[in-house]
Amino acid sequence: MQFPKFLLGDNTDYSDAIFIVHTEFPRFIINLENDEVEWLEDFEDEDQKELEDEMENLIQQATDFYDREISRYEA
């Protein structure tokens, strides 16, 4: 099964949270309520610098995805 790069997630147990799931490497879930990130990958110490460099870009992409999806609901 193939998934889109980002998925929008919601859960009634976390009523204020909106989750974005990044399905490509490096996989992660971000909670847009507080920008908390949960990585779904294990990283080696030497990968940490590269991950930090890419993190800002990935979070921006996730936020842009969310904004696009919400604008489509409002239309």
PDB file of N, CA and C in Angstrom:
ATOM      1  N   MET A   1       0.845  -1.168   0.000  1.00  0.00           N
ATOM      2  CA  MET A   1       0.000   0.000   0.000  1.00  0.00           C
ATOM      3  C   MET A   1       0.893   1.235   0.000  1.00  0.00           C
ATOM      4  N   GLN A   2       0.530   2.214  -0.798  1.00  0.00           N
ATOM      5  CA  GLN A   2       1.289   3.455  -0.851  1.00  0.00           C
ATOM      6  C   GLN A   2       0.513   4.560  -0.134  1.00  0.00           C
ATOM      7  N   PHE A   3       1.222   5.348   0.665  1.00  0.00           N
ATOM      8  CA  PHE A   3       0.614   6.438   1.423  1.00  0.00           C
ATOM      9  C   PHE A   3       1.098   7.780   0.884  1.00  0.00           C
ATOM     10  N   PRO A   4       0.291   8.835   1.081  1.00  0.00           N
ATOM     11  CA  PRO A   4       0.790  10.168   0.764  1.00  0.00           C
ATOM     12  C   PRO A   4       1.909  10.543   1.733  1.00  0.00           C
ATOM     13  N   LYS A   5       2.686  11.545   1.383  1.00  0.00           N
ATOM     14  CA  LYS A   5       3.821  11.965   2.205  1.00  0.00           C
ATOM     15  C   LYS A   5       3.374  12.419   3.593  1.00  0.00           C
ATOM     16  N   PHE A   6       2.232  13.094   3.679  1.00  0.00           N
ATOM     17  CA  PHE A   6       1.700  13.569   4.959  1.00  0.00           C
ATOM     18  C   PHE A   6       0.276  13.089   5.137  1.00  0.00           C
ATOM     19  N   LEU A   7      -0.070  12.775   6.382  1.00  0.00           N
ATOM     20  CA  LEU A   7      -1.437  12.428   6.755  1.00  0.00           C
ATOM     21  C   LEU A   7      -1.859  13.316   7.912  1.00  0.00           C
ATOM     22  N   LEU A   8      -3.117  13.712   7.916  1.00  0.00           N
ATOM     23  CA  LEU A   8      -3.682  14.508   8.994  1.00  0.00           C
ATOM     24  C   LEU A   8      -4.318  13.556   9.999  1.00  0.00           C
ATOM     25  N   GLY A   9      -3.998  13.735  11.287  1.00  0.00           N
ATOM     26  CA  GLY A   9      -4.520  12.843  12.314  1.00  0.00           C
ATOM     27  C   GLY A   9      -5.255  13.595  13.400  1.00  0.00           C
ATOM     28  N   ASP A  10      -6.266  12.956  13.967  1.00  0.00           N
ATOM     29  CA  ASP A  10      -7.078  13.545  15.020  1.00  0.00           C
ATOM     30  C   ASP A  10      -7.461  12.431  15.992  1.00  0.00           C
ATOM     31  N   ASN A  11      -7.652  12.785  17.259  1.00  0.00           N
ATOM     32  CA  ASN A  11      -8.034  11.803  18.256  1.00  0.00           C
ATOM     33  C   ASN A  11      -8.819  12.513  19.343  1.00  0.00           C
ATOM     34  N   THR A  12      -9.992  12.002  19.676  1.00  0.00           N
ATOM     35  CA  THR A  12     -10.838  12.673  20.672  1.00  0.00           C
ATOM     36  C   THR A  12     -10.227  12.659  22.068  1.00  0.00           C
ATOM     37  N   ASP A  13      -9.280  11.760  22.327  1.00  0.00           N
ATOM     38  CA  ASP A  13      -8.603  11.765  23.624  1.00  0.00           C
ATOM     39  C   ASP A  13      -7.661  12.955  23.768  1.00  0.00           C
ATOM     40  N   TYR A  14      -7.306  13.572  22.664  1.00  0.00           N
ATOM     41  CA  TYR A  14      -6.437  14.757  22.635  1.00  0.00           C
ATOM     42  C   TYR A  14      -7.195  15.845  21.878  1.00  0.00           C
ATOM     43  N   SER A  15      -8.211  16.385  22.499  1.00  0.00           N
ATOM     44  CA  SER A  15      -9.168  17.242  21.803  1.00  0.00           C
ATOM     45  C   SER A  15      -8.552  18.500  21.195  1.00  0.00           C
ATOM     46  N   ASP A  16      -7.469  19.019  21.739  1.00  0.00           N
ATOM     47  CA  ASP A  16      -6.863  20.236  21.201  1.00  0.00           C
ATOM     48  C   ASP A  16      -5.722  19.945  20.231  1.00  0.00           C
ATOM     49  N   ALA A  17      -5.338  18.714  20.123  1.00  0.00           N
ATOM     50  CA  ALA A  17      -4.181  18.353  19.308  1.00  0.00           C
ATOM     51  C   ALA A  17      -4.584  18.058  17.867  1.00  0.00           C
ATOM     52  N   ILE A  18      -3.711  18.441  16.967  1.00  0.00           N
ATOM     53  CA  ILE A  18      -3.817  18.075  15.562  1.00  0.00           C
ATOM     54  C   ILE A  18      -2.479  17.453  15.191  1.00  0.00           C
ATOM     55  N   PHE A  19      -2.520  16.242  14.677  1.00  0.00           N
ATOM     56  CA  PHE A  19      -1.304  15.514  14.365  1.00  0.00           C
ATOM     57  C   PHE A  19      -1.088  15.464  12.859  1.00  0.00           C
ATOM     58  N   ILE A  20       0.164  15.642  12.463  1.00  0.00           N
ATOM     59  CA  ILE A  20       0.574  15.432  11.085  1.00  0.00           C
ATOM     60  C   ILE A  20       1.560  14.268  11.110  1.00  0.00           C
ATOM     61  N   VAL A  21       1.290  13.267  10.287  1.00  0.00           N
ATOM     62  CA  VAL A  21       2.156  12.089  10.196  1.00  0.00           C
ATOM     63  C   VAL A  21       2.958  12.199   8.903  1.00  0.00           C
ATOM     64  N   HIS A  22       4.271  12.162   9.022  1.00  0.00           N
ATOM     65  CA  HIS A  22       5.162  12.157   7.862  1.00  0.00           C
ATOM     66  C   HIS A  22       5.504  10.697   7.597  1.00  0.00           C
ATOM     67  N   THR A  23       5.132  10.189   6.434  1.00  0.00           N
ATOM     68  CA  THR A  23       5.217   8.753   6.163  1.00  0.00           C
ATOM     69  C   THR A  23       6.494   8.327   5.453  1.00  0.00           C
ATOM     70  N   GLU A  24       7.314   9.296   5.027  1.00  0.00           N
ATOM     71  CA  GLU A  24       8.567   8.982   4.350  1.00  0.00           C
ATOM     72  C   GLU A  24       9.724   9.131   5.330  1.00  0.00           C
ATOM     73  N   PHE A  25      10.871   8.611   4.966  1.00  0.00           N
ATOM     74  CA  PHE A  25      12.043   8.722   5.838  1.00  0.00           C
ATOM     75  C   PHE A  25      12.487  10.172   5.932  1.00  0.00           C
ATOM     76  N   PRO A  26      12.738  10.672   7.091  1.00  0.00           N
ATOM     77  CA  PRO A  26      12.582  10.072   8.409  1.00  0.00           C
ATOM     78  C   PRO A  26      11.138  10.229   8.888  1.00  0.00           C
ATOM     79  N   ARG A  27      10.511   9.126   9.222  1.00  0.00           N
ATOM     80  CA  ARG A  27       9.108   9.136   9.632  1.00  0.00           C
ATOM     81  C   ARG A  27       8.959   9.775  11.010  1.00  0.00           C
ATOM     82  N   PHE A  28       7.909  10.584  11.160  1.00  0.00           N
ATOM     83  CA  PHE A  28       7.649  11.216  12.436  1.00  0.00           C
ATOM     84  C   PHE A  28       6.194  11.649  12.519  1.00  0.00           C
ATOM     85  N   ILE A  29       5.767  11.972  13.736  1.00  0.00           N
ATOM     86  CA  ILE A  29       4.453  12.563  13.990  1.00  0.00           C
ATOM     87  C   ILE A  29       4.703  13.867  14.722  1.00  0.00           C
ATOM     88  N   ILE A  30       4.068  14.940  14.252  1.00  0.00           N
ATOM     89  CA  ILE A  30       4.180  16.229  14.930  1.00  0.00           C
ATOM     90  C   ILE A  30       2.805  16.631  15.449  1.00  0.00           C
ATOM     91  N   ASN A  31       2.785  17.096  16.668  1.00  0.00           N
ATOM     92  CA  ASN A  31       1.577  17.624  17.274  1.00  0.00           C
ATOM     93  C   ASN A  31       1.612  19.136  17.055  1.00  0.00           C
ATOM     94  N   LEU A  32       0.752  19.653  16.207  1.00  0.00           N
ATOM     95  CA  LEU A  32       0.773  21.075  15.876  1.00  0.00           C
ATOM     96  C   LEU A  32       0.337  21.963  17.038  1.00  0.00           C
ATOM     97  N   GLU A  33      -0.308  21.377  18.040  1.00  0.00           N
ATOM     98  CA  GLU A  33      -0.712  22.162  19.206  1.00  0.00           C
ATOM     99  C   GLU A  33       0.509  22.695  19.956  1.00  0.00           C
ATOM    100  N   ASN A  34       1.550  21.867  20.063  1.00  0.00           N
ATOM    101  CA  ASN A  34       2.720  22.270  20.852  1.00  0.00           C
ATOM    102  C   ASN A  34       4.051  22.013  20.118  1.00  0.00           C
ATOM    103  N   ASP A  35       3.981  21.643  18.843  1.00  0.00           N
ATOM    104  CA  ASP A  35       5.156  21.352  18.007  1.00  0.00           C
ATOM    105  C   ASP A  35       6.021  20.216  18.534  1.00  0.00           C
ATOM    106  N   GLU A  36       5.454  19.360  19.357  1.00  0.00           N
ATOM    107  CA  GLU A  36       6.187  18.183  19.843  1.00  0.00           C
ATOM    108  C   GLU A  36       6.299  17.167  18.709  1.00  0.00           C
ATOM    109  N   VAL A  37       7.494  16.606  18.554  1.00  0.00           N
ATOM    110  CA  VAL A  37       7.762  15.645  17.486  1.00  0.00           C
ATOM    111  C   VAL A  37       8.114  14.300  18.092  1.00  0.00           C
ATOM    112  N   GLU A  38       7.510  13.260  17.553  1.00  0.00           N
ATOM    113  CA  GLU A  38       7.836  11.884  17.933  1.00  0.00           C
ATOM    114  C   GLU A  38       8.398  11.200  16.692  1.00  0.00           C
ATOM    115  N   TRP A  39       9.668  10.806  16.773  1.00  0.00           N
ATOM    116  CA  TRP A  39      10.323  10.140  15.652  1.00  0.00           C
ATOM    117  C   TRP A  39       9.956   8.673  15.640  1.00  0.00           C
ATOM    118  N   LEU A  40       9.693   8.144  14.472  1.00  0.00           N
ATOM    119  CA  LEU A  40       9.357   6.735  14.304  1.00  0.00           C
ATOM    120  C   LEU A  40      10.541   5.963  13.732  1.00  0.00           C
ATOM    121  N   GLU A  41      11.700   6.549  13.819  1.00  0.00           N
ATOM    122  CA  GLU A  41      12.950   5.958  13.339  1.00  0.00           C
ATOM    123  C   GLU A  41      13.954   5.946  14.483  1.00  0.00           C
ATOM    124  N   ASP A  42      14.898   5.051  14.401  1.00  0.00           N
ATOM    125  CA  ASP A  42      16.052   5.065  15.302  1.00  0.00           C
ATOM    126  C   ASP A  42      17.225   5.646  14.532  1.00  0.00           C
ATOM    127  N   PHE A  43      17.921   6.591  15.152  1.00  0.00           N
ATOM    128  CA  PHE A  43      19.016   7.273  14.482  1.00  0.00           C
ATOM    129  C   PHE A  43      20.324   7.002  15.196  1.00  0.00           C
ATOM    130  N   GLU A  44      21.371   6.928  14.403  1.00  0.00           N
ATOM    131  CA  GLU A  44      22.731   6.826  14.932  1.00  0.00           C
ATOM    132  C   GLU A  44      23.184   8.220  15.328  1.00  0.00           C
ATOM    133  N   ASP A  45      24.120   8.299  16.233  1.00  0.00           N
ATOM    134  CA  ASP A  45      24.625   9.595  16.674  1.00  0.00           C
ATOM    135  C   ASP A  45      25.161  10.430  15.514  1.00  0.00           C
ATOM    136  N   GLU A  46      25.808   9.793  14.561  1.00  0.00           N
ATOM    137  CA  GLU A  46      26.367  10.546  13.436  1.00  0.00           C
ATOM    138  C   GLU A  46      25.287  11.115  12.514  1.00  0.00           C
ATOM    139  N   ASP A  47      24.056  10.591  12.586  1.00  0.00           N
ATOM    140  CA  ASP A  47      22.945  11.105  11.786  1.00  0.00           C
ATOM    141  C   ASP A  47      22.276  12.320  12.433  1.00  0.00           C
ATOM    142  N   GLN A  48      22.589  12.588  13.676  1.00  0.00           N
ATOM    143  CA  GLN A  48      21.915  13.636  14.439  1.00  0.00           C
ATOM    144  C   GLN A  48      22.054  15.015  13.783  1.00  0.00           C
ATOM    145  N   LYS A  49      23.232  15.374  13.307  1.00  0.00           N
ATOM    146  CA  LYS A  49      23.458  16.688  12.700  1.00  0.00           C
ATOM    147  C   LYS A  49      22.624  16.839  11.432  1.00  0.00           C
ATOM    148  N   GLU A  50      22.634  15.832  10.580  1.00  0.00           N
ATOM    149  CA  GLU A  50      21.842  15.882   9.349  1.00  0.00           C
ATOM    150  C   GLU A  50      20.354  15.997   9.667  1.00  0.00           C
ATOM    151  N   LEU A  51      19.907  15.270  10.672  1.00  0.00           N
ATOM    152  CA  LEU A  51      18.510  15.319  11.092  1.00  0.00           C
ATOM    153  C   LEU A  51      18.137  16.716  11.578  1.00  0.00           C
ATOM    154  N   GLU A  52      18.982  17.322  12.384  1.00  0.00           N
ATOM    155  CA  GLU A  52      18.709  18.666  12.882  1.00  0.00           C
ATOM    156  C   GLU A  52      18.617  19.665  11.735  1.00  0.00           C
ATOM    157  N   ASP A  53      19.472  19.508  10.728  1.00  0.00           N
ATOM    158  CA  ASP A  53      19.450  20.402   9.574  1.00  0.00           C
ATOM    159  C   ASP A  53      18.150  20.262   8.777  1.00  0.00           C
ATOM    160  N   GLU A  54      17.654  19.058   8.654  1.00  0.00           N
ATOM    161  CA  GLU A  54      16.448  18.807   7.867  1.00  0.00           C
ATOM    162  C   GLU A  54      15.163  19.054   8.652  1.00  0.00           C
ATOM    163  N   MET A  55      15.242  19.028   9.955  1.00  0.00           N
ATOM    164  CA  MET A  55      14.070  19.130  10.815  1.00  0.00           C
ATOM    165  C   MET A  55      13.242  20.382  10.530  1.00  0.00           C
ATOM    166  N   GLU A  56      13.886  21.529  10.444  1.00  0.00           N
ATOM    167  CA  GLU A  56      13.158  22.773  10.210  1.00  0.00           C
ATOM    168  C   GLU A  56      12.379  22.710   8.896  1.00  0.00           C
ATOM    169  N   ASN A  57      13.011  22.187   7.857  1.00  0.00           N
ATOM    170  CA  ASN A  57      12.362  22.063   6.562  1.00  0.00           C
ATOM    171  C   ASN A  57      11.159  21.114   6.627  1.00  0.00           C
ATOM    172  N   LEU A  58      11.306  19.994   7.299  1.00  0.00           N
ATOM    173  CA  LEU A  58      10.217  19.024   7.403  1.00  0.00           C
ATOM    174  C   LEU A  58       9.037  19.580   8.189  1.00  0.00           C
ATOM    175  N   ILE A  59       9.311  20.299   9.251  1.00  0.00           N
ATOM    176  CA  ILE A  59       8.220  20.893  10.034  1.00  0.00           C
ATOM    177  C   ILE A  59       7.496  21.955   9.206  1.00  0.00           C
ATOM    178  N   GLN A  60       8.232  22.728   8.437  1.00  0.00           N
ATOM    179  CA  GLN A  60       7.593  23.718   7.565  1.00  0.00           C
ATOM    180  C   GLN A  60       6.717  23.033   6.524  1.00  0.00           C
ATOM    181  N   GLN A  61       7.198  21.942   5.951  1.00  0.00           N
ATOM    182  CA  GLN A  61       6.401  21.192   4.980  1.00  0.00           C
ATOM    183  C   GLN A  61       5.121  20.654   5.622  1.00  0.00           C
ATOM    184  N   ALA A  62       5.231  20.147   6.844  1.00  0.00           N
ATOM    185  CA  ALA A  62       4.056  19.623   7.560  1.00  0.00           C
ATOM    186  C   ALA A  62       3.052  20.736   7.826  1.00  0.00           C
ATOM    187  N   THR A  63       3.542  21.891   8.236  1.00  0.00           N
ATOM    188  CA  THR A  63       2.662  23.032   8.504  1.00  0.00           C
ATOM    189  C   THR A  63       1.989  23.506   7.210  1.00  0.00           C
ATOM    190  N   ASP A  64       2.745  23.573   6.135  1.00  0.00           N
ATOM    191  CA  ASP A  64       2.177  23.962   4.837  1.00  0.00           C
ATOM    192  C   ASP A  64       1.102  22.974   4.398  1.00  0.00           C
ATOM    193  N   PHE A  65       1.359  21.686   4.601  1.00  0.00           N
ATOM    194  CA  PHE A  65       0.370  20.653   4.280  1.00  0.00           C
ATOM    195  C   PHE A  65      -0.914  20.888   5.072  1.00  0.00           C
ATOM    196  N   TYR A  66      -0.786  21.134   6.364  1.00  0.00           N
ATOM    197  CA  TYR A  66      -1.958  21.373   7.212  1.00  0.00           C
ATOM    198  C   TYR A  66      -2.734  22.598   6.715  1.00  0.00           C
ATOM    199  N   ASP A  67      -2.039  23.694   6.458  1.00  0.00           N
ATOM    200  CA  ASP A  67      -2.701  24.908   5.983  1.00  0.00           C
ATOM    201  C   ASP A  67      -3.451  24.655   4.674  1.00  0.00           C
ATOM    202  N   ARG A  68      -2.828  23.904   3.773  1.00  0.00           N
ATOM    203  CA  ARG A  68      -3.474  23.577   2.499  1.00  0.00           C
ATOM    204  C   ARG A  68      -4.734  22.741   2.714  1.00  0.00           C
ATOM    205  N   GLU A  69      -4.645  21.748   3.577  1.00  0.00           N
ATOM    206  CA  GLU A  69      -5.797  20.887   3.831  1.00  0.00           C
ATOM    207  C   GLU A  69      -6.940  21.665   4.455  1.00  0.00           C
ATOM    208  N   ILE A  70      -6.646  22.515   5.410  1.00  0.00           N
ATOM    209  CA  ILE A  70      -7.686  23.304   6.078  1.00  0.00           C
ATOM    210  C   ILE A  70      -8.328  24.275   5.090  1.00  0.00           C
ATOM    211  N   SER A  71      -7.539  24.870   4.211  1.00  0.00           N
ATOM    212  CA  SER A  71      -8.104  25.796   3.225  1.00  0.00           C
ATOM    213  C   SER A  71      -9.072  25.067   2.290  1.00  0.00           C
ATOM    214  N   ARG A  72      -8.819  23.810   2.027  1.00  0.00           N
ATOM    215  CA  ARG A  72      -9.721  23.031   1.170  1.00  0.00           C
ATOM    216  C   ARG A  72     -11.044  22.721   1.866  1.00  0.00           C
ATOM    217  N   TYR A  73     -11.019  22.559   3.189  1.00  0.00           N
ATOM    218  CA  TYR A  73     -12.249  22.346   3.947  1.00  0.00           C
ATOM    219  C   TYR A  73     -13.089  23.618   3.988  1.00  0.00           C
ATOM    220  N   GLU A  74     -12.425  24.764   4.037  1.00  0.00           N
ATOM    221  CA  GLU A  74     -13.113  26.042   4.158  1.00  0.00           C
ATOM    222  C   GLU A  74     -13.702  26.510   2.832  1.00  0.00           C
ATOM    223  N   ALA A  75     -13.231  25.945   1.738  1.00  0.00           N
ATOM    224  CA  ALA A  75     -13.696  26.386   0.417  1.00  0.00           C
ATOM    225  C   ALA A  75     -15.076  25.891   0.090  1.00  0.00           C
TER     226      ALA A  75
END
